[in-house]
Amino acid sequence: MTNFKLVASDHRGTLENPGRVVTVIEREFWETLNDPLAHLESSSSAARVWGAAYHIPASHAEEVHDYLDEREINGYTVHYTPFYPFLGSKAPESESKPITCMVYIGQPTNPQFLRDPARREPQDVAEVISRGRGKSGKNTEYLYLLEKALEGLGLGSADGYVTDLVQRVKAIEKEDEAARDEEAAERDLQKSLSRSEEEAHRAFQNEERA
């Protein structure tokens, strides 16, 4: 299962204002979390996680490994897992031969894993993502790019959990934008009233002098 269960205090957040990043967790453990969005997972989709595997030439393997180790050091550890290439909707799954792939996973035992059930609630995660920002950019950008990447796999749609988060975050952004517009209108009104008071005061002084 893919889930935003890791705290991000570097690339998509800070120590003072951490963001949220995704990890892969085993279904058996996920079932113990009482995920409120469990209804979005069908019995067939829940048994697999879609993704993309990349072949790194041996000449660049060490360089790429070192780069990923540095980028993923905050919350992730290296694991090796079978990856089954997608041969098309009409091809039998039994024809897909697994490839052993290296993947970075944030384990539940990691200190960055969210243990407080309240902080794992979708709306809370969306609130955190909406304001997170780290050295690699906004947390919202991370979420939106993840959804596009999943859609880009050509399987019809992104993960239901990810899509739900995108909708929640965009709703928050609209509320924030409306609040900013309201604040700007209030500031403009105050400036206008202030100018009117100044003009009225000058006019009163001119009348007294006359």
C-alpha atoms as a PDB file:
ATOM      1  CA  MET A   1       0.000   0.000   0.000  1.00  0.00           C
ATOM      2  CA  THR A   2       1.173   3.574  -0.673  1.00  0.00           C
ATOM      3  CA  ASN A   3       0.528   6.039   2.135  1.00  0.00           C
ATOM      4  CA  PHE A   4       1.595   9.470   3.413  1.00  0.00           C
ATOM      5  CA  LYS A   5       2.774   8.170   6.778  1.00  0.00           C
ATOM      6  CA  LEU A   6       6.250   9.711   6.970  1.00  0.00           C
ATOM      7  CA  VAL A   7       7.256  13.050   8.471  1.00  0.00           C
ATOM      8  CA  ALA A   8       9.450  15.134   6.133  1.00  0.00           C
ATOM      9  CA  SER A   9      11.763  17.583   7.867  1.00  0.00           C
ATOM     10  CA  ASP A  10      14.229  18.180   5.039  1.00  0.00           C
ATOM     11  CA  HIS A  11      13.215  18.061   1.375  1.00  0.00           C
ATOM     12  CA  ARG A  12       9.490  18.867   1.727  1.00  0.00           C
ATOM     13  CA  GLY A  13       9.416  20.396   5.188  1.00  0.00           C
ATOM     14  CA  THR A  14      11.553  21.671   8.050  1.00  0.00           C
ATOM     15  CA  LEU A  15      12.154  20.655  11.657  1.00  0.00           C
ATOM     16  CA  GLU A  16       9.847  23.485  12.765  1.00  0.00           C
ATOM     17  CA  ASN A  17       7.210  22.821  10.105  1.00  0.00           C
ATOM     18  CA  PRO A  18       7.571  19.236   8.814  1.00  0.00           C
ATOM     19  CA  GLY A  19       5.766  18.032   5.724  1.00  0.00           C
ATOM     20  CA  ARG A  20       4.510  14.597   4.701  1.00  0.00           C
ATOM     21  CA  VAL A  21       5.949  12.127   2.186  1.00  0.00           C
ATOM     22  CA  VAL A  22       4.767   8.776   0.900  1.00  0.00           C
ATOM     23  CA  THR A  23       5.994   5.302   1.721  1.00  0.00           C
ATOM     24  CA  VAL A  24       5.031   1.725   0.943  1.00  0.00           C
ATOM     25  CA  ILE A  25       3.658  -0.373   3.803  1.00  0.00           C
ATOM     26  CA  GLU A  26       2.662  -4.019   3.957  1.00  0.00           C
ATOM     27  CA  ARG A  27      -1.032  -4.718   3.654  1.00  0.00           C
ATOM     28  CA  GLU A  28      -1.081  -6.721   6.904  1.00  0.00           C
ATOM     29  CA  PHE A  29       0.180  -3.698   8.828  1.00  0.00           C
ATOM     30  CA  TRP A  30      -2.033  -1.254   6.903  1.00  0.00           C
ATOM     31  CA  GLU A  31      -5.109  -3.221   7.958  1.00  0.00           C
ATOM     32  CA  THR A  32      -4.272  -2.528  11.623  1.00  0.00           C
ATOM     33  CA  LEU A  33      -4.370   1.255  11.041  1.00  0.00           C
ATOM     34  CA  ASN A  34      -8.149   1.512  10.497  1.00  0.00           C
ATOM     35  CA  ASP A  35      -7.567   3.670   7.439  1.00  0.00           C
ATOM     36  CA  PRO A  36     -10.701   5.845   6.884  1.00  0.00           C
ATOM     37  CA  LEU A  37     -10.119   5.619   3.138  1.00  0.00           C
ATOM     38  CA  ALA A  38      -9.973   1.835   3.051  1.00  0.00           C
ATOM     39  CA  HIS A  39     -13.177   1.823   0.978  1.00  0.00           C
ATOM     40  CA  LEU A  40     -11.207   3.331  -1.916  1.00  0.00           C
ATOM     41  CA  GLU A  41      -9.149   0.159  -2.205  1.00  0.00           C
ATOM     42  CA  SER A  42     -10.659  -2.745  -4.084  1.00  0.00           C
ATOM     43  CA  SER A  43      -9.660  -6.289  -3.195  1.00  0.00           C
ATOM     44  CA  SER A  44      -7.683  -6.537  -6.434  1.00  0.00           C
ATOM     45  CA  SER A  45      -5.907  -3.169  -6.245  1.00  0.00           C
ATOM     46  CA  ALA A  46      -5.043  -3.649  -2.585  1.00  0.00           C
ATOM     47  CA  ALA A  47      -2.932  -6.679  -3.426  1.00  0.00           C
ATOM     48  CA  ARG A  48      -0.454  -4.673  -5.516  1.00  0.00           C
ATOM     49  CA  VAL A  49       1.374  -1.360  -5.712  1.00  0.00           C
ATOM     50  CA  TRP A  50       1.910   0.223  -9.126  1.00  0.00           C
ATOM     51  CA  GLY A  51       5.141   1.991  -9.909  1.00  0.00           C
ATOM     52  CA  ALA A  52       8.038   2.349 -12.332  1.00  0.00           C
ATOM     53  CA  ALA A  53      11.381   0.549 -12.249  1.00  0.00           C
ATOM     54  CA  TYR A  54      14.545   2.077 -13.698  1.00  0.00           C
ATOM     55  CA  HIS A  55      17.587   0.269 -15.048  1.00  0.00           C
ATOM     56  CA  ILE A  56      20.816   1.989 -14.012  1.00  0.00           C
ATOM     57  CA  PRO A  57      23.897   1.102 -16.076  1.00  0.00           C
ATOM     58  CA  ALA A  58      26.660  -0.500 -14.016  1.00  0.00           C
ATOM     59  CA  SER A  59      28.955   2.423 -14.834  1.00  0.00           C
ATOM     60  CA  HIS A  60      26.604   4.795 -12.931  1.00  0.00           C
ATOM     61  CA  ALA A  61      25.268   2.421 -10.268  1.00  0.00           C
ATOM     62  CA  GLU A  62      27.538   3.588  -7.449  1.00  0.00           C
ATOM     63  CA  GLU A  63      26.977   7.284  -8.239  1.00  0.00           C
ATOM     64  CA  VAL A  64      23.187   6.875  -8.310  1.00  0.00           C
ATOM     65  CA  HIS A  65      23.197   4.735  -5.161  1.00  0.00           C
ATOM     66  CA  ASP A  66      25.166   7.386  -3.249  1.00  0.00           C
ATOM     67  CA  TYR A  67      22.829  10.135  -4.473  1.00  0.00           C
ATOM     68  CA  LEU A  68      19.705   8.222  -3.442  1.00  0.00           C
ATOM     69  CA  ASP A  69      21.191   7.335  -0.072  1.00  0.00           C
ATOM     70  CA  GLU A  70      21.693  11.025   0.640  1.00  0.00           C
ATOM     71  CA  ARG A  71      18.281  12.067  -0.693  1.00  0.00           C
ATOM     72  CA  GLU A  72      16.320   9.338   1.071  1.00  0.00           C
ATOM     73  CA  ILE A  73      18.289   9.220   4.322  1.00  0.00           C
ATOM     74  CA  ASN A  74      15.588  10.966   6.354  1.00  0.00           C
ATOM     75  CA  GLY A  75      13.081   8.188   7.047  1.00  0.00           C
ATOM     76  CA  TYR A  76      13.830   5.536   4.421  1.00  0.00           C
ATOM     77  CA  THR A  77      15.908   2.346   4.370  1.00  0.00           C
ATOM     78  CA  VAL A  78      16.979   0.149   1.453  1.00  0.00           C
ATOM     79  CA  HIS A  79      15.010  -3.001   0.644  1.00  0.00           C
ATOM     80  CA  TYR A  80      14.971  -5.447  -2.252  1.00  0.00           C
ATOM     81  CA  THR A  81      11.687  -6.661  -3.699  1.00  0.00           C
ATOM     82  CA  PRO A  82      10.386  -8.451  -6.807  1.00  0.00           C
ATOM     83  CA  PHE A  83       8.943  -6.125  -9.458  1.00  0.00           C
ATOM     84  CA  TYR A  84       6.516  -7.537 -12.026  1.00  0.00           C
ATOM     85  CA  PRO A  85       6.548  -5.686 -15.380  1.00  0.00           C
ATOM     86  CA  PHE A  86       3.116  -4.848 -16.778  1.00  0.00           C
ATOM     87  CA  LEU A  87       2.739  -6.601 -20.130  1.00  0.00           C
ATOM     88  CA  GLY A  88      -0.657  -5.170 -21.019  1.00  0.00           C
ATOM     89  CA  SER A  89      -4.216  -5.683 -19.865  1.00  0.00           C
ATOM     90  CA  LYS A  90      -4.706  -8.722 -22.130  1.00  0.00           C
ATOM     91  CA  ALA A  91      -1.532 -10.530 -21.131  1.00  0.00           C
ATOM     92  CA  PRO A  92      -1.794 -13.198 -18.395  1.00  0.00           C
ATOM     93  CA  GLU A  93      -0.104 -12.114 -15.157  1.00  0.00           C
ATOM     94  CA  SER A  94       1.697 -15.434 -15.038  1.00  0.00           C
ATOM     95  CA  GLU A  95       3.734 -14.381 -18.087  1.00  0.00           C
ATOM     96  CA  SER A  96       5.305 -11.456 -16.196  1.00  0.00           C
ATOM     97  CA  LYS A  97       8.699 -12.497 -14.863  1.00  0.00           C
ATOM     98  CA  PRO A  98       9.783 -10.648 -11.707  1.00  0.00           C
ATOM     99  CA  ILE A  99      12.837  -8.405 -11.577  1.00  0.00           C
ATOM    100  CA  THR A 100      14.598  -7.823  -8.267  1.00  0.00           C
ATOM    101  CA  CYS A 101      14.585  -4.098  -7.554  1.00  0.00           C
ATOM    102  CA  MET A 102      16.042  -1.879  -4.882  1.00  0.00           C
ATOM    103  CA  VAL A 103      13.436   0.338  -3.212  1.00  0.00           C
ATOM    104  CA  TYR A 104      13.525   2.855  -0.360  1.00  0.00           C
ATOM    105  CA  ILE A 105      10.812   2.234   2.224  1.00  0.00           C
ATOM    106  CA  GLY A 106       9.880   4.100   5.393  1.00  0.00           C
ATOM    107  CA  GLN A 107       9.257   1.347   7.923  1.00  0.00           C
ATOM    108  CA  PRO A 108       6.796   1.665  10.848  1.00  0.00           C
ATOM    109  CA  THR A 109       9.795   1.215  13.155  1.00  0.00           C
ATOM    110  CA  ASN A 110      11.396   4.388  11.783  1.00  0.00           C
ATOM    111  CA  PRO A 111      11.197   7.494  14.049  1.00  0.00           C
ATOM    112  CA  GLN A 112       9.765   9.465  11.088  1.00  0.00           C
ATOM    113  CA  PHE A 113       6.728   7.176  10.828  1.00  0.00           C
ATOM    114  CA  LEU A 114       3.500   8.773  12.087  1.00  0.00           C
ATOM    115  CA  ARG A 115       2.360   6.931  15.184  1.00  0.00           C
ATOM    116  CA  ASP A 116      -0.378   9.278  16.362  1.00  0.00           C
ATOM    117  CA  PRO A 117      -3.663   8.156  14.700  1.00  0.00           C
ATOM    118  CA  ALA A 118      -4.948  11.749  14.706  1.00  0.00           C
ATOM    119  CA  ARG A 119      -1.962  12.882  12.600  1.00  0.00           C
ATOM    120  CA  ARG A 120      -2.672  10.128  10.069  1.00  0.00           C
ATOM    121  CA  GLU A 121      -6.213  11.374   9.394  1.00  0.00           C
ATOM    122  CA  PRO A 122      -6.522  12.434   5.718  1.00  0.00           C
ATOM    123  CA  GLN A 123      -7.650  15.978   6.532  1.00  0.00           C
ATOM    124  CA  ASP A 124      -4.772  16.491   8.958  1.00  0.00           C
ATOM    125  CA  VAL A 125      -2.300  15.160   6.384  1.00  0.00           C
ATOM    126  CA  ALA A 126      -3.802  17.501   3.770  1.00  0.00           C
ATOM    127  CA  GLU A 127      -3.504  20.495   6.129  1.00  0.00           C
ATOM    128  CA  VAL A 128       0.164  19.709   6.754  1.00  0.00           C
ATOM    129  CA  ILE A 129       0.932  19.201   3.053  1.00  0.00           C
ATOM    130  CA  SER A 130      -0.788  22.474   2.136  1.00  0.00           C
ATOM    131  CA  ARG A 131       1.718  24.512   4.154  1.00  0.00           C
ATOM    132  CA  GLY A 132       4.853  22.313   3.974  1.00  0.00           C
ATOM    133  CA  ARG A 133       7.979  23.513   2.211  1.00  0.00           C
ATOM    134  CA  GLY A 134      11.572  22.236   2.292  1.00  0.00           C
ATOM    135  CA  LYS A 135      14.822  22.547   0.401  1.00  0.00           C
ATOM    136  CA  SER A 136      13.359  20.629  -2.565  1.00  0.00           C
ATOM    137  CA  GLY A 137      10.226  22.773  -2.776  1.00  0.00           C
ATOM    138  CA  LYS A 138       6.599  22.794  -1.701  1.00  0.00           C
ATOM    139  CA  ASN A 139       4.981  19.716  -0.217  1.00  0.00           C
ATOM    140  CA  THR A 140       1.969  20.329  -2.480  1.00  0.00           C
ATOM    141  CA  GLU A 141       4.230  20.044  -5.535  1.00  0.00           C
ATOM    142  CA  TYR A 142       5.425  16.643  -4.278  1.00  0.00           C
ATOM    143  CA  LEU A 143       1.813  15.446  -3.941  1.00  0.00           C
ATOM    144  CA  TYR A 144       0.662  16.794  -7.325  1.00  0.00           C
ATOM    145  CA  LEU A 145       3.659  15.325  -9.152  1.00  0.00           C
ATOM    146  CA  LEU A 146       3.053  11.972  -7.483  1.00  0.00           C
ATOM    147  CA  GLU A 147      -0.530  11.909  -8.741  1.00  0.00           C
ATOM    148  CA  LYS A 148       0.582  12.830 -12.274  1.00  0.00           C
ATOM    149  CA  ALA A 149       3.281  10.148 -12.182  1.00  0.00           C
ATOM    150  CA  LEU A 150       0.746   7.505 -11.150  1.00  0.00           C
ATOM    151  CA  GLU A 151      -1.649   8.660 -13.863  1.00  0.00           C
ATOM    152  CA  GLY A 152       1.245   8.569 -16.330  1.00  0.00           C
ATOM    153  CA  LEU A 153       1.601   4.828 -15.842  1.00  0.00           C
ATOM    154  CA  GLY A 154      -1.344   4.528 -18.216  1.00  0.00           C
ATOM    155  CA  LEU A 155      -3.507   2.457 -15.911  1.00  0.00           C
ATOM    156  CA  GLY A 156      -6.524   4.772 -16.019  1.00  0.00           C
ATOM    157  CA  SER A 157      -6.186   6.734 -12.815  1.00  0.00           C
ATOM    158  CA  ALA A 158      -3.969   7.481  -9.845  1.00  0.00           C
ATOM    159  CA  ASP A 159      -4.159   5.771  -6.470  1.00  0.00           C
ATOM    160  CA  GLY A 160      -7.523   6.557  -4.811  1.00  0.00           C
ATOM    161  CA  TYR A 161      -5.826   7.606  -1.580  1.00  0.00           C
ATOM    162  CA  VAL A 162      -3.513  10.021  -3.420  1.00  0.00           C
ATOM    163  CA  THR A 163      -6.369  11.488  -5.472  1.00  0.00           C
ATOM    164  CA  ASP A 164      -8.402  12.076  -2.312  1.00  0.00           C
ATOM    165  CA  LEU A 165      -5.483  13.954  -0.754  1.00  0.00           C
ATOM    166  CA  VAL A 166      -5.069  16.075  -3.896  1.00  0.00           C
ATOM    167  CA  GLN A 167      -8.733  17.083  -3.732  1.00  0.00           C
ATOM    168  CA  ARG A 168      -8.471  17.953  -0.038  1.00  0.00           C
ATOM    169  CA  VAL A 169      -5.311  20.034  -0.510  1.00  0.00           C
ATOM    170  CA  LYS A 170      -6.758  21.936  -3.483  1.00  0.00           C
ATOM    171  CA  ALA A 171      -9.869  22.724  -1.432  1.00  0.00           C
ATOM    172  CA  ILE A 172      -7.631  24.118   1.328  1.00  0.00           C
ATOM    173  CA  GLU A 173      -5.698  26.182  -1.204  1.00  0.00           C
ATOM    174  CA  LYS A 174      -8.957  27.675  -2.499  1.00  0.00           C
ATOM    175  CA  GLU A 175      -9.981  28.576   1.064  1.00  0.00           C
ATOM    176  CA  ASP A 176      -6.574  30.137   1.702  1.00  0.00           C
ATOM    177  CA  GLU A 177      -6.772  32.090  -1.556  1.00  0.00           C
ATOM    178  CA  ALA A 178     -10.239  33.371  -0.620  1.00  0.00           C
ATOM    179  CA  ALA A 179      -8.944  34.385   2.810  1.00  0.00           C
ATOM    180  CA  ARG A 180      -6.002  36.225   1.216  1.00  0.00           C
ATOM    181  CA  ASP A 181      -8.360  38.021  -1.169  1.00  0.00           C
ATOM    182  CA  GLU A 182     -10.550  39.023   1.774  1.00  0.00           C
ATOM    183  CA  GLU A 183      -7.560  40.323   3.721  1.00  0.00           C
ATOM    184  CA  ALA A 184      -6.361  42.271   0.672  1.00  0.00           C
ATOM    185  CA  ALA A 185      -9.835  43.802   0.222  1.00  0.00           C
ATOM    186  CA  GLU A 186      -9.877  44.772   3.902  1.00  0.00           C
ATOM    187  CA  ARG A 187      -6.455  46.436   3.575  1.00  0.00           C
ATOM    188  CA  ASP A 188      -7.591  48.323   0.464  1.00  0.00           C
ATOM    189  CA  LEU A 189     -10.723  49.472   2.296  1.00  0.00           C
ATOM    190  CA  GLN A 190      -8.709  50.696   5.275  1.00  0.00           C
ATOM    191  CA  LYS A 191      -6.335  52.587   2.978  1.00  0.00           C
ATOM    192  CA  SER A 192      -9.289  54.144   1.155  1.00  0.00           C
ATOM    193  CA  LEU A 193     -10.931  55.192   4.421  1.00  0.00           C
ATOM    194  CA  SER A 194      -7.651  56.583   5.687  1.00  0.00           C
ATOM    195  CA  ARG A 195      -7.198  58.672   2.538  1.00  0.00           C
ATOM    196  CA  SER A 196     -10.784  59.913   2.809  1.00  0.00           C
ATOM    197  CA  GLU A 197     -10.215  60.965   6.429  1.00  0.00           C
ATOM    198  CA  GLU A 198      -7.008  62.787   5.499  1.00  0.00           C
ATOM    199  CA  GLU A 199      -8.723  64.600   2.624  1.00  0.00           C
ATOM    200  CA  ALA A 200     -11.647  65.552   4.852  1.00  0.00           C
ATOM    201  CA  HIS A 201      -9.253  66.852   7.521  1.00  0.00           C
ATOM    202  CA  ARG A 202      -7.339  68.968   4.985  1.00  0.00           C
ATOM    203  CA  ALA A 203     -10.596  70.353   3.608  1.00  0.00           C
ATOM    204  CA  PHE A 204     -11.746  71.311   7.147  1.00  0.00           C
ATOM    205  CA  GLN A 205      -8.425  73.060   7.827  1.00  0.00           C
ATOM    206  CA  ASN A 206      -8.684  75.010   4.561  1.00  0.00           C
ATOM    207  CA  GLU A 207     -12.202  76.144   5.480  1.00  0.00           C
ATOM    208  CA  GLU A 208     -11.019  77.388   8.887  1.00  0.00           C
ATOM    209  CA  ARG A 209      -8.197  79.399   7.310  1.00  0.00           C
ATOM    210  CA  ALA A 210     -10.645  80.964   4.851  1.00  0.00           C
END
